[in-house]
Protein backbone atom coordinates (compact mmCIF):
# COMPACT_ATOMS: atom_id res chain seq x y z
CA MET A 1 -20.78 -6.22 63.41
CA PRO A 2 -17.86 -6.80 61.07
CA THR A 3 -16.48 -3.83 59.26
CA LEU A 4 -15.50 -3.68 55.63
CA LYS A 5 -11.89 -3.41 54.87
CA PRO A 6 -10.61 -0.06 53.59
CA SER A 7 -9.63 -1.60 50.28
CA SER A 8 -13.23 -2.89 49.80
CA GLN A 9 -14.58 0.47 50.67
CA ARG A 10 -12.53 2.04 47.98
CA ARG A 11 -13.36 -0.37 45.26
CA ARG A 12 -17.13 -0.38 45.72
CA PRO A 13 -17.78 3.30 44.58
CA PHE A 14 -15.41 2.75 41.61
CA PHE A 15 -17.29 -0.26 40.60
CA VAL A 16 -20.66 1.60 40.81
CA SER A 17 -19.36 4.60 38.88
CA ARG A 18 -18.19 2.35 36.07
CA ILE A 19 -21.62 0.77 35.82
CA SER A 20 -23.21 4.19 35.89
CA MET A 21 -20.89 5.49 33.15
CA GLY A 22 -21.66 2.46 31.04
CA ARG A 23 -25.40 3.05 31.40
CA GLU A 24 -25.03 6.71 30.43
CA ARG A 25 -23.03 5.72 27.43
CA GLU A 26 -25.70 3.24 26.42
CA THR A 27 -28.46 5.72 26.92
CA GLN A 28 -26.54 8.14 24.75
CA GLN A 29 -26.11 5.68 21.99
CA GLN A 30 -29.96 4.77 22.03
CA GLN A 31 -30.78 8.50 21.88
CA GLN A 32 -28.37 8.99 18.99
CA THR A 33 -29.98 6.23 16.93
CA SER A 34 -33.45 7.64 17.52
CA TYR A 35 -32.48 11.02 16.10
CA THR A 36 -34.19 12.03 12.82
CA VAL A 37 -32.07 13.38 10.00
CA GLU A 38 -33.39 16.88 10.67
CA GLU A 39 -32.23 16.57 14.21
CA LEU A 40 -28.81 15.38 13.30
CA VAL A 41 -28.42 18.34 10.90
CA ALA A 42 -29.56 20.75 13.59
CA VAL A 43 -27.42 19.32 16.38
CA ASN A 44 -24.10 18.61 14.54
CA PRO A 45 -24.18 19.65 10.82
CA TYR A 46 -20.41 19.43 10.41
CA ASN A 47 -19.90 15.95 11.83
CA PRO A 48 -18.75 13.64 9.01
CA ASP A 49 -20.23 10.67 10.95
CA ILE A 50 -23.69 11.64 9.82
CA LEU A 51 -22.70 11.60 6.09
CA PRO A 52 -24.11 8.05 5.46
CA ASP A 53 -27.42 9.04 7.09
CA LEU A 54 -27.66 12.01 4.81
CA GLU A 55 -26.87 9.96 1.74
CA ASN A 56 -29.53 7.44 2.67
CA TYR A 57 -31.95 10.34 3.21
CA VAL A 58 -31.37 11.51 -0.36
CA HIS A 59 -32.50 8.01 -1.54
CA GLU A 60 -35.47 8.27 0.75
CA GLN A 61 -36.46 11.59 -0.67
CA VAL A 62 -36.33 10.15 -4.20
CA SER A 63 -38.42 7.09 -3.35
CA SER A 64 -40.96 8.87 -1.11
CA GLN A 65 -41.13 12.01 -3.28
CA THR A 66 -40.32 14.16 -0.31
CA TYR A 67 -37.73 16.95 -0.07
CA SER A 68 -35.40 18.54 2.41
CA LEU A 69 -33.17 21.37 1.21
CA ASP A 70 -31.43 21.76 4.55
CA ALA A 71 -30.42 18.13 4.72
CA ASN A 72 -29.17 18.24 1.19
CA LEU A 73 -27.24 21.33 1.65
CA CYS A 74 -25.61 19.92 4.70
CA LEU A 75 -24.52 16.86 2.74
CA LEU A 76 -22.98 19.00 0.04
CA ARG A 77 -21.08 20.96 2.70
CA LEU A 78 -19.76 17.73 4.17
CA TYR A 79 -18.68 16.60 0.66
CA GLN A 80 -16.52 19.75 0.59
CA PHE A 81 -14.74 18.63 3.68
CA GLU A 82 -14.66 14.94 2.59
CA PRO A 83 -14.19 15.16 -1.24
CA GLU A 84 -13.02 11.52 -1.49
CA ARG A 85 -16.39 10.33 -0.15
CA MET A 86 -18.45 12.34 -2.62
CA SER A 87 -21.08 10.34 -4.56
CA ILE A 88 -21.57 11.70 -8.01
CA GLN A 89 -24.95 9.90 -8.30
CA ILE A 90 -26.23 11.38 -5.10
CA VAL A 91 -25.09 14.91 -6.04
CA ALA A 92 -26.94 14.55 -9.32
CA ARG A 93 -30.12 13.49 -7.60
CA ILE A 94 -29.83 16.43 -5.22
CA LEU A 95 -29.70 18.83 -8.21
CA VAL A 96 -32.68 17.22 -9.82
CA LYS A 97 -34.70 17.47 -6.70
CA ALA A 98 -33.69 21.17 -6.58
CA LEU A 99 -34.88 21.74 -10.14
CA MET A 100 -38.17 20.36 -9.04
CA ALA A 101 -38.40 22.97 -6.30
CA MET A 102 -38.46 25.92 -8.80
CA PRO A 103 -39.30 28.75 -8.43
CA ALA A 104 -37.31 28.55 -5.23
CA PRO A 105 -33.61 29.28 -5.80
CA ASP A 106 -32.56 25.84 -4.46
CA PHE A 107 -30.67 24.82 -7.57
CA SER A 108 -28.37 27.81 -7.36
CA LEU A 109 -27.80 27.27 -3.58
CA CYS A 110 -26.78 23.64 -4.18
CA LEU A 111 -24.67 24.35 -7.20
CA PHE A 112 -22.66 26.91 -5.21
CA LEU A 113 -21.49 24.04 -2.95
CA ILE A 114 -20.41 21.71 -5.78
CA PRO A 115 -16.77 21.99 -6.94
CA GLU A 116 -16.27 23.35 -10.42
CA ARG A 117 -14.46 20.28 -11.54
CA VAL A 118 -17.55 18.24 -10.75
CA GLN A 119 -19.78 20.76 -12.50
CA MET A 120 -17.85 20.19 -15.64
CA GLU A 121 -18.99 16.49 -15.86
CA GLU A 122 -21.51 15.95 -18.70
CA GLN A 123 -24.54 15.23 -16.57
CA PHE A 124 -24.06 18.38 -14.36
CA LYS A 125 -23.60 20.58 -17.50
CA THR A 126 -26.87 19.20 -18.72
CA LEU A 127 -28.66 20.01 -15.52
CA ILE A 128 -27.20 23.53 -15.59
CA VAL A 129 -28.57 24.02 -19.08
CA LEU A 130 -32.00 22.71 -18.02
CA SER A 131 -32.00 25.14 -15.12
CA HIS A 132 -31.20 27.99 -17.47
CA TYR A 133 -34.06 27.06 -19.75
CA LEU A 134 -36.47 26.98 -16.80
CA GLU A 135 -35.28 30.32 -15.43
CA THR A 136 -35.85 31.96 -18.77
CA ALA A 137 -39.20 30.15 -19.43
CA ARG A 138 -37.82 28.51 -22.53
CA PHE A 139 -40.03 25.44 -21.96
CA ARG A 140 -39.78 24.02 -25.49
CA GLU A 141 -36.03 23.90 -25.34
CA PHE A 142 -36.31 22.53 -21.84
CA TRP A 143 -38.48 19.54 -22.76
CA ASP A 144 -36.41 18.82 -25.83
CA GLU A 145 -33.23 18.75 -23.74
CA ALA A 146 -34.83 16.68 -21.04
CA ALA A 147 -36.03 14.08 -23.55
CA LYS A 148 -32.41 13.65 -24.72
CA ASN A 149 -31.27 13.05 -21.13
CA ARG A 150 -34.01 10.86 -19.63
CA SER A 151 -31.47 8.72 -17.77
CA ILE A 152 -30.63 11.73 -15.61
CA VAL A 153 -34.00 13.15 -14.78
CA GLU A 154 -36.36 10.21 -14.93
CA VAL A 155 -34.50 8.41 -11.99
CA VAL A 156 -36.33 10.92 -9.76
CA PRO A 157 -40.13 10.20 -9.59
CA GLY A 158 -42.38 13.18 -10.16
CA PHE A 159 -39.94 15.20 -12.07
CA GLU A 160 -42.28 15.88 -15.04
CA GLN A 161 -45.18 16.71 -12.86
CA ALA A 162 -43.14 19.22 -10.78
CA ILE A 163 -41.83 21.04 -13.90
CA GLN A 164 -45.38 21.13 -15.34
CA ALA A 165 -46.54 22.78 -12.07
CA TYR A 166 -43.72 25.34 -12.42
CA ALA A 167 -44.60 26.05 -15.99
CA ILE A 168 -48.22 26.67 -14.98
CA HIS A 169 -47.11 28.99 -12.26
CA VAL A 170 -45.05 31.03 -14.77
CA LEU A 171 -48.01 31.25 -17.13
CA SER A 172 -50.38 32.35 -14.43
CA LEU A 173 -47.97 35.28 -13.62
CA THR A 174 -48.01 36.34 -17.27
CA TYR A 175 -51.38 35.52 -18.81
CA GLN A 176 -55.02 36.28 -18.02
CA LYS A 177 -55.92 34.04 -20.98
CA VAL A 178 -53.51 31.49 -22.41
CA PRO A 179 -53.80 30.14 -25.93
CA ARG A 180 -53.96 26.36 -25.98
CA PRO A 181 -50.80 25.85 -28.14
CA VAL A 182 -48.83 27.96 -25.62
CA LEU A 183 -50.01 25.86 -22.70
CA ALA A 184 -49.36 22.69 -24.63
CA GLU A 185 -45.78 23.70 -25.30
CA ALA A 186 -45.09 24.83 -21.72
CA ILE A 187 -46.27 21.60 -20.11
CA ASN A 188 -45.38 19.23 -22.89
CA ILE A 189 -48.92 17.67 -23.25
CA GLU A 190 -50.87 17.51 -26.41
CA GLY A 191 -53.97 15.95 -27.92
CA LEU A 192 -56.35 13.80 -25.75
CA SER A 193 -53.93 13.92 -22.92
CA LEU A 194 -54.16 17.73 -22.87
CA ASP A 195 -57.97 17.49 -23.06
CA LYS A 196 -58.06 15.32 -19.89
CA PHE A 197 -55.57 17.62 -18.14
CA LEU A 198 -57.83 20.63 -18.92
CA GLU A 199 -60.81 18.81 -17.67
CA HIS A 200 -59.08 18.18 -14.36
CA GLN A 201 -57.88 21.85 -14.08
CA VAL A 202 -61.38 23.13 -14.84
CA ALA A 203 -62.91 20.87 -12.05
CA LYS A 204 -60.23 21.36 -9.42
CA CYS A 205 -58.40 24.58 -9.99
CA GLY A 206 -61.02 27.04 -11.40
CA TRP A 207 -59.79 27.15 -15.03
CA VAL A 208 -62.32 28.19 -17.63
CA LEU A 209 -62.45 27.17 -21.24
CA GLU A 210 -63.56 30.21 -23.14
CA LYS A 211 -66.69 29.55 -25.21
CA GLY A 212 -66.78 30.26 -28.89
CA HIS A 213 -63.39 28.65 -29.60
CA VAL A 214 -62.84 25.14 -31.13
CA ARG A 215 -62.10 22.73 -28.30
CA GLY A 216 -61.46 25.47 -25.91
CA GLN A 217 -58.51 27.15 -27.68
CA VAL A 218 -58.27 29.77 -25.06
CA ILE A 219 -57.99 29.08 -21.36
CA VAL A 220 -58.97 31.68 -18.75
CA LEU A 221 -56.65 31.35 -15.72
CA PRO A 222 -57.79 32.14 -12.15
CA ARG A 223 -57.30 35.85 -11.14
CA ASN A 224 -54.18 36.81 -9.13
CA GLU A 225 -52.35 39.98 -8.18
CA PHE A 226 -49.93 39.49 -11.11
CA ASN A 227 -52.07 38.53 -14.12
CA GLN A 228 -54.99 40.93 -13.25
CA PRO A 229 -53.63 43.75 -11.16
CA GLU A 230 -56.19 46.22 -9.91
CA LEU A 231 -55.55 49.99 -10.00
CA LYS A 232 -55.58 51.37 -6.49
CA LYS A 233 -56.17 55.02 -5.80
CA ASN A 234 -53.40 56.62 -3.88
CA THR A 235 -55.18 58.83 -1.38
CA ALA A 236 -51.94 60.32 -0.20
CA ASP A 237 -51.29 61.92 -3.61
CA SER A 238 -54.89 63.07 -4.27
CA ILE A 239 -55.92 66.75 -3.83
CA PRO A 240 -59.23 67.62 -2.28
CA LEU A 241 -61.67 69.43 -4.54
CA GLU A 242 -61.94 72.40 -2.11
CA HIS A 243 -58.16 72.99 -2.34
CA ILE A 244 -58.39 73.10 -6.15
CA THR A 245 -61.34 75.52 -5.91
CA ARG A 246 -59.34 77.81 -3.54
CA ILE A 247 -56.35 77.81 -5.97
CA PHE A 248 -58.56 78.88 -8.96
CA SER A 249 -60.06 81.66 -6.77
CA ILE A 250 -56.48 82.94 -5.94
CA LEU A 251 -55.50 82.79 -9.58
CA ASN A 252 -58.54 84.76 -10.68
């Protein structure tokens, strides 16, 4: 039987290894393209190559009305390392989405990663003012300011509904019963639109329109630990009656 030449014996393993390496590289590329954005952030959050994926994901969050704080924070951190690649439009949308997440502190977390020179731009100063109004429950001022800057906030669908939900959350922590004008101001709804809103809340969320008031001027909100706290007896601080009797007998 003929034998292979030594040179052929050396080349064959090299040729096979190159094929193997090529297949491994191809497999790795296929796996990389199948990663979700969350997986990319978890695996290599400081890799600037994922920056376009994160930017696209911000647009996806806006269009699909979803939200990922981790992905957005990762993008803002990458912008710190690659300032020339920063998209002002995307940063603004990240901050709007963060406002919509209140009462979570997402807006402050995002703002901390944005350079001060960027924060001084007009649209960012507006968003900072809006954040302050929400944090201090100055809803009338918030809605007035938002109306003047519709081009900033209305590019993100669901913004108004998210802020209304936050306003209701704040009211529920404060009131057992909320006057209709206070509710109307907080959620920026009046008239027939407010009537329909109240009908929905009564049917779905357990609100009650108190009888005896014109058009339900007082709304009774569902009980919670903040608006209707219950006094709890602290047994650790109580003194048994027999101990008190014994003390009186000693004093006498």
